Amino acid sequence: MNHSFLIIGADIGGSHMEAAMVDLGGEQVLEKTHILKSVNPHASADAVLNTWTQTIQTVMAAYQHPKTKIGIAMPYRITS
């Protein structure tokens, strides 16, 4: 496996967060790295950020890689 293509992909929604270590070269999620967590949209900002941090740290712990990059997707309403 080419380690230069490993990243953590994180999808943050209003009520959940999903993250996994992804091998972009092989276009696959690495085994045992996929995490899905509920997020309380009414919680404090600190509590929400703590959930995000813990989720990403759990993925990182499942597959140690010294130069891990993180891609984050989250919704945003664009108004003009």
C-alpha atoms as a PDB file:
ATOM      1  CA  MET A   1       0.000   0.000   0.000  1.00  0.00           C
ATOM      2  CA  ASN A   2       1.339   3.451  -0.905  1.00  0.00           C
ATOM      3  CA  HIS A   3       1.228   5.380   2.371  1.00  0.00           C
ATOM      4  CA  SER A   4       1.357   8.759   0.624  1.00  0.00           C
ATOM      5  CA  PHE A   5      -2.282   8.298  -0.383  1.00  0.00           C
ATOM      6  CA  LEU A   6      -3.731   7.762   3.121  1.00  0.00           C
ATOM      7  CA  ILE A   7      -6.014  10.436   4.540  1.00  0.00           C
ATOM      8  CA  ILE A   8      -8.752  10.724   7.124  1.00  0.00           C
ATOM      9  CA  GLY A   9     -12.055  11.645   5.537  1.00  0.00           C
ATOM     10  CA  ALA A  10     -14.579  13.240   7.887  1.00  0.00           C
ATOM     11  CA  ASP A  11     -18.205  14.071   7.077  1.00  0.00           C
ATOM     12  CA  ILE A  12     -19.757  16.375   9.654  1.00  0.00           C
ATOM     13  CA  GLY A  13     -23.516  16.811   9.659  1.00  0.00           C
ATOM     14  CA  GLY A  14     -25.964  18.502  12.000  1.00  0.00           C
ATOM     15  CA  SER A  15     -26.733  15.348  13.970  1.00  0.00           C
ATOM     16  CA  HIS A  16     -23.843  13.005  13.199  1.00  0.00           C
ATOM     17  CA  MET A  17     -20.195  12.732  12.257  1.00  0.00           C
ATOM     18  CA  GLU A  18     -18.627   9.992  10.198  1.00  0.00           C
ATOM     19  CA  ALA A  19     -14.891   9.459   9.702  1.00  0.00           C
ATOM     20  CA  ALA A  20     -12.531   6.826   8.315  1.00  0.00           C
ATOM     21  CA  MET A  21      -8.978   6.335   7.097  1.00  0.00           C
ATOM     22  CA  VAL A  22      -9.099   6.202   3.307  1.00  0.00           C
ATOM     23  CA  ASP A  23      -6.560   4.872   0.836  1.00  0.00           C
ATOM     24  CA  LEU A  24      -7.015   7.243  -2.097  1.00  0.00           C
ATOM     25  CA  GLY A  25      -4.694   5.180  -4.297  1.00  0.00           C
ATOM     26  CA  GLY A  26      -6.789   2.062  -3.851  1.00  0.00           C
ATOM     27  CA  GLU A  27     -10.055   3.998  -3.424  1.00  0.00           C
ATOM     28  CA  GLN A  28     -11.054   2.115  -0.281  1.00  0.00           C
ATOM     29  CA  VAL A  29     -11.815   2.650   3.386  1.00  0.00           C
ATOM     30  CA  LEU A  30      -9.267   0.877   5.565  1.00  0.00           C
ATOM     31  CA  GLU A  31     -10.655  -1.941   7.654  1.00  0.00           C
ATOM     32  CA  LYS A  32     -11.611  -1.109  11.259  1.00  0.00           C
ATOM     33  CA  THR A  33     -11.250   2.663  10.829  1.00  0.00           C
ATOM     34  CA  HIS A  34     -14.855   3.655  10.030  1.00  0.00           C
ATOM     35  CA  ILE A  35     -16.552   5.524  12.918  1.00  0.00           C
ATOM     36  CA  LEU A  36     -20.090   6.942  13.070  1.00  0.00           C
ATOM     37  CA  LYS A  37     -20.954   9.169  16.046  1.00  0.00           C
ATOM     38  CA  SER A  38     -24.091  11.047  16.990  1.00  0.00           C
ATOM     39  CA  VAL A  39     -23.695  14.775  17.567  1.00  0.00           C
ATOM     40  CA  ASN A  40     -26.131  16.738  19.713  1.00  0.00           C
ATOM     41  CA  PRO A  41     -26.908  19.848  17.635  1.00  0.00           C
ATOM     42  CA  HIS A  42     -28.083  21.638  20.786  1.00  0.00           C
ATOM     43  CA  ALA A  43     -24.890  20.973  22.768  1.00  0.00           C
ATOM     44  CA  SER A  44     -22.316  23.650  23.481  1.00  0.00           C
ATOM     45  CA  ALA A  45     -19.664  24.405  20.868  1.00  0.00           C
ATOM     46  CA  ASP A  46     -17.054  22.825  23.155  1.00  0.00           C
ATOM     47  CA  ALA A  47     -19.062  19.604  23.417  1.00  0.00           C
ATOM     48  CA  VAL A  48     -19.538  19.396  19.634  1.00  0.00           C
ATOM     49  CA  LEU A  49     -15.853  20.084  18.949  1.00  0.00           C
ATOM     50  CA  ASN A  50     -14.925  17.470  21.553  1.00  0.00           C
ATOM     51  CA  THR A  51     -17.023  14.875  19.709  1.00  0.00           C
ATOM     52  CA  TRP A  52     -15.341  15.780  16.417  1.00  0.00           C
ATOM     53  CA  THR A  53     -11.879  15.591  18.006  1.00  0.00           C
ATOM     54  CA  GLN A  54     -12.535  12.247  19.715  1.00  0.00           C
ATOM     55  CA  THR A  55     -13.886  10.747  16.489  1.00  0.00           C
ATOM     56  CA  ILE A  56     -10.847  11.791  14.450  1.00  0.00           C
ATOM     57  CA  GLN A  57      -8.459  10.646  17.201  1.00  0.00           C
ATOM     58  CA  THR A  58     -10.182   7.235  17.285  1.00  0.00           C
ATOM     59  CA  VAL A  59      -9.650   6.840  13.533  1.00  0.00           C
ATOM     60  CA  MET A  60      -6.006   7.901  13.875  1.00  0.00           C
ATOM     61  CA  ALA A  61      -5.466   5.370  16.686  1.00  0.00           C
ATOM     62  CA  ALA A  62      -6.910   2.537  14.575  1.00  0.00           C
ATOM     63  CA  TYR A  63      -4.230   2.992  11.920  1.00  0.00           C
ATOM     64  CA  GLN A  64      -1.071   4.831  12.935  1.00  0.00           C
ATOM     65  CA  HIS A  65       0.401   6.896  10.129  1.00  0.00           C
ATOM     66  CA  PRO A  66       2.922   9.679  10.845  1.00  0.00           C
ATOM     67  CA  LYS A  67       1.828  12.099   8.111  1.00  0.00           C
ATOM     68  CA  THR A  68      -1.936  11.837   8.175  1.00  0.00           C
ATOM     69  CA  LYS A  69      -3.890  14.504   6.333  1.00  0.00           C
ATOM     70  CA  ILE A  70      -7.548  15.218   7.093  1.00  0.00           C
ATOM     71  CA  GLY A  71     -10.292  16.185   4.663  1.00  0.00           C
ATOM     72  CA  ILE A  72     -13.479  17.560   6.224  1.00  0.00           C
ATOM     73  CA  ALA A  73     -16.860  17.961   4.551  1.00  0.00           C
ATOM     74  CA  MET A  74     -19.626  19.902   6.256  1.00  0.00           C
ATOM     75  CA  PRO A  75     -22.839  21.575   5.165  1.00  0.00           C
ATOM     76  CA  TYR A  76     -23.012  25.295   4.691  1.00  0.00           C
ATOM     77  CA  ARG A  77     -25.834  27.405   3.392  1.00  0.00           C
ATOM     78  CA  ILE A  78     -24.680  29.930   0.831  1.00  0.00           C
ATOM     79  CA  THR A  79     -26.716  33.107   0.495  1.00  0.00           C
ATOM     80  CA  SER A  80     -26.104  35.956  -1.877  1.00  0.00           C
END
